[in-house]
Amino acid sequence: MKLHEGERLLHELRPRAGLLVIWFFTKCLPVTFVAAFASGTLFSAFAAISGAAAGSECPFPLVGSTLVAASLLPVAILLVALVYCGFLLRSYIYYITDQRCVFHGGILRRVERSVPYHKVTDVEISQHIGERILGISKLQIFTPGTGSMMGYPFSGQQRAEISFVGLKDSETPAETINGILSRFRATGE
């Protein structure tokens, strides 16, 4: 991240490894279940087609090797997803400066999202049960354009402009941001 002229860096934060546990259950396992379903469906279709093509003779070696491949595919996808999430976690960096909040990260698609303080409407710290168990939390920064947008379908949650996920201590950066917002709102600078 490149600082603007006269800008000072106040906090540089990174998510904790506990976030990988959350991502395992919310990202990696669902992808693995879809892969298991797809490979099972493909295996069944292949076995039916090869059995029908062979007539009364069933090519067991071919079906057996397909079963092994169909069983290993979800495991391979789970391992690839975990490795990807591990590298993704290491790419996330959160910056809080005296002028803005910045998220930087991504592997396949690099993202740098910056929100100047004059656009911030709300700062929220949240933890769901898994995050409480792991001792991490999420710091969300809302702007007028995103505060009214809904996040996930049917969740009833607002979508933040920037989310700093996996933080061990989200209180200190939230206090810093709220202090800057108070001064900004009082003076307009």
Protein backbone atom coordinates (compact mmCIF):
# COMPACT_ATOMS: atom_id res chain seq x y z
CA MET A 1 0.00 0.00 0.00
CA LYS A 2 1.25 3.42 -0.89
CA LEU A 3 0.56 6.19 1.61
CA HIS A 4 -0.85 9.47 0.37
CA GLU A 5 1.10 12.66 0.94
CA GLY A 6 1.04 13.56 4.64
CA GLU A 7 -0.70 10.30 5.58
CA ARG A 8 0.48 8.33 8.64
CA LEU A 9 0.09 4.60 9.18
CA LEU A 10 -1.54 3.94 12.57
CA HIS A 11 -2.14 0.16 12.47
CA GLU A 12 -1.09 -2.69 10.22
CA LEU A 13 -3.14 -5.78 11.01
CA ARG A 14 -3.24 -9.36 9.77
CA PRO A 15 -5.84 -12.05 10.38
CA ARG A 16 -5.02 -14.85 12.83
CA ALA A 17 -4.63 -18.49 11.81
CA GLY A 18 -7.87 -19.32 13.66
CA LEU A 19 -9.68 -17.87 10.64
CA LEU A 20 -8.60 -20.99 8.72
CA VAL A 21 -10.81 -23.08 11.00
CA ILE A 22 -13.79 -20.86 10.15
CA TRP A 23 -12.97 -21.00 6.43
CA PHE A 24 -12.61 -24.79 6.65
CA PHE A 25 -16.24 -25.12 7.70
CA THR A 26 -17.68 -22.27 5.63
CA LYS A 27 -15.66 -22.54 2.40
CA CYS A 28 -13.65 -25.77 2.11
CA LEU A 29 -16.20 -28.31 3.33
CA PRO A 30 -19.08 -27.03 1.15
CA VAL A 31 -16.83 -27.18 -1.93
CA THR A 32 -15.80 -30.70 -0.94
CA PHE A 33 -19.42 -31.83 -0.51
CA VAL A 34 -20.27 -30.49 -3.96
CA ALA A 35 -17.23 -32.29 -5.40
CA ALA A 36 -18.21 -35.53 -3.64
CA PHE A 37 -21.76 -35.30 -4.98
CA ALA A 38 -20.54 -34.51 -8.51
CA SER A 39 -17.94 -37.29 -8.52
CA GLY A 40 -20.48 -39.78 -7.12
CA THR A 41 -22.98 -38.79 -9.80
CA LEU A 42 -20.34 -39.08 -12.52
CA PHE A 43 -19.24 -42.46 -11.15
CA SER A 44 -22.81 -43.76 -11.16
CA ALA A 45 -23.38 -42.54 -14.71
CA PHE A 46 -20.08 -44.01 -15.89
CA ALA A 47 -20.80 -47.35 -14.21
CA ALA A 48 -24.27 -47.47 -15.78
CA ILE A 49 -22.95 -46.58 -19.23
CA SER A 50 -20.02 -49.00 -19.08
CA GLY A 51 -22.28 -51.78 -17.73
CA ALA A 52 -24.80 -51.20 -20.52
CA ALA A 53 -22.07 -51.07 -23.16
CA ALA A 54 -20.52 -54.31 -21.94
CA GLY A 55 -23.86 -56.11 -22.07
CA SER A 56 -23.82 -58.87 -19.51
CA GLU A 57 -20.11 -58.48 -18.89
CA CYS A 58 -19.26 -55.76 -16.39
CA PRO A 59 -15.74 -54.35 -16.63
CA PHE A 60 -14.99 -54.45 -12.88
CA PRO A 61 -11.39 -53.21 -13.17
CA LEU A 62 -12.59 -50.10 -14.99
CA VAL A 63 -15.47 -49.52 -12.56
CA GLY A 64 -13.19 -50.16 -9.56
CA SER A 65 -10.59 -47.63 -10.72
CA THR A 66 -13.37 -45.10 -11.34
CA LEU A 67 -14.67 -45.67 -7.81
CA VAL A 68 -11.22 -45.00 -6.38
CA ALA A 69 -10.89 -41.84 -8.49
CA ALA A 70 -14.37 -40.69 -7.45
CA SER A 71 -13.45 -41.25 -3.80
CA LEU A 72 -10.13 -39.42 -4.01
CA LEU A 73 -11.41 -36.41 -5.94
CA PRO A 74 -13.17 -34.78 -2.95
CA VAL A 75 -10.11 -35.39 -0.74
CA ALA A 76 -7.85 -33.79 -3.36
CA ILE A 77 -10.23 -30.84 -3.70
CA LEU A 78 -10.34 -30.42 0.10
CA LEU A 79 -6.53 -30.35 0.26
CA VAL A 80 -6.29 -27.85 -2.62
CA ALA A 81 -8.97 -25.66 -0.97
CA LEU A 82 -7.12 -25.72 2.36
CA VAL A 83 -3.79 -24.81 0.75
CA TYR A 84 -5.48 -22.02 -1.22
CA CYS A 85 -7.20 -20.67 1.91
CA GLY A 86 -3.86 -20.78 3.76
CA PHE A 87 -2.16 -18.68 1.09
CA LEU A 88 -5.18 -16.38 0.86
CA LEU A 89 -5.04 -15.80 4.62
CA ARG A 90 -1.36 -14.86 4.37
CA SER A 91 -2.14 -12.32 1.62
CA TYR A 92 -4.63 -10.33 3.73
CA ILE A 93 -3.31 -7.10 5.25
CA TYR A 94 -5.43 -4.42 6.88
CA TYR A 95 -4.18 -0.84 7.24
CA ILE A 96 -5.59 1.96 9.34
CA THR A 97 -4.13 5.36 8.63
CA ASP A 98 -5.06 8.82 9.81
CA GLN A 99 -6.98 9.38 6.54
CA ARG A 100 -8.55 6.02 5.58
CA CYS A 101 -9.01 2.29 6.17
CA VAL A 102 -7.52 -0.09 3.62
CA PHE A 103 -7.92 -3.80 2.85
CA HIS A 104 -5.27 -5.46 0.68
CA GLY A 105 -5.27 -9.10 -0.34
CA GLY A 106 -6.06 -11.84 -2.79
CA ILE A 107 -4.29 -14.47 -4.85
CA LEU A 108 -6.14 -14.98 -8.12
CA ARG A 109 -7.62 -11.49 -7.96
CA ARG A 110 -5.72 -8.84 -6.01
CA VAL A 111 -7.96 -6.34 -4.27
CA GLU A 112 -7.08 -3.10 -2.56
CA ARG A 113 -10.14 -1.41 -1.14
CA SER A 114 -9.81 1.96 0.54
CA VAL A 115 -12.45 3.93 2.45
CA PRO A 116 -11.72 7.52 3.49
CA TYR A 117 -13.11 8.55 6.87
CA HIS A 118 -15.47 11.16 5.44
CA LYS A 119 -17.45 8.27 3.87
CA VAL A 120 -17.61 6.05 6.98
CA THR A 121 -21.03 5.93 8.66
CA ASP A 122 -20.56 3.09 11.14
CA VAL A 123 -17.93 0.79 12.63
CA GLU A 124 -19.02 -2.56 13.99
CA ILE A 125 -17.25 -5.37 15.86
CA SER A 126 -18.91 -8.75 15.61
CA GLN A 127 -18.27 -12.37 16.59
CA HIS A 128 -20.30 -15.44 15.85
CA ILE A 129 -20.01 -18.51 18.09
CA GLY A 130 -17.09 -20.03 16.15
CA GLU A 131 -15.13 -16.79 16.31
CA ARG A 132 -15.80 -16.51 20.05
CA ILE A 133 -14.45 -20.02 20.60
CA LEU A 134 -11.32 -19.22 18.56
CA GLY A 135 -10.82 -15.79 20.16
CA ILE A 136 -11.07 -13.81 16.91
CA SER A 137 -13.51 -11.18 15.70
CA LYS A 138 -14.52 -9.13 12.69
CA LEU A 139 -14.28 -5.35 12.33
CA GLN A 140 -16.67 -3.99 9.71
CA ILE A 141 -16.68 -0.52 8.21
CA PHE A 142 -19.90 0.75 6.66
CA THR A 143 -20.51 3.59 4.22
CA PRO A 144 -23.84 5.12 3.11
CA GLY A 145 -23.87 3.04 -0.08
CA THR A 146 -23.33 -0.28 1.65
CA GLY A 147 -25.15 0.19 4.93
CA SER A 148 -28.51 -0.31 3.26
CA MET A 149 -27.43 -3.25 1.08
CA MET A 150 -28.14 -6.72 2.32
CA GLY A 151 -25.27 -9.19 2.54
CA TYR A 152 -25.99 -12.81 1.90
CA PRO A 153 -29.40 -13.69 0.52
CA PHE A 154 -32.03 -13.94 3.24
CA SER A 155 -29.50 -13.38 6.04
CA GLY A 156 -30.79 -10.00 7.12
CA GLN A 157 -27.22 -8.75 7.55
CA GLN A 158 -25.94 -5.51 6.13
CA ARG A 159 -22.95 -5.65 3.80
CA ALA A 160 -19.87 -3.75 4.95
CA GLU A 161 -17.64 -1.78 2.61
CA ILE A 162 -14.58 -3.34 4.26
CA SER A 163 -14.41 -6.27 6.67
CA PHE A 164 -11.28 -6.95 8.67
CA VAL A 165 -11.81 -10.64 9.48
CA GLY A 166 -9.90 -12.87 11.89
CA LEU A 167 -8.59 -10.17 14.22
CA LYS A 168 -7.32 -11.09 17.67
CA ASP A 169 -7.85 -7.55 18.97
CA SER A 170 -10.47 -5.55 17.10
CA GLU A 171 -11.14 -3.16 19.99
CA THR A 172 -7.96 -1.10 19.55
CA PRO A 173 -8.39 -0.41 15.80
CA ALA A 174 -12.12 0.26 16.32
CA GLU A 175 -11.30 2.81 19.03
CA THR A 176 -8.74 4.43 16.73
CA ILE A 177 -11.24 4.66 13.87
CA ASN A 178 -14.02 5.96 16.13
CA GLY A 179 -11.64 8.58 17.59
CA ILE A 180 -10.72 9.81 14.13
CA LEU A 181 -14.41 9.84 13.13
CA SER A 182 -15.30 11.90 16.22
CA ARG A 183 -12.62 14.46 15.43
CA PHE A 184 -13.63 14.49 11.77
CA ARG A 185 -17.31 15.03 12.56
CA ALA A 186 -16.49 17.74 15.11
CA THR A 187 -14.11 19.71 12.90
CA GLY A 188 -15.03 18.57 9.39
CA GLU A 189 -11.38 17.88 8.59
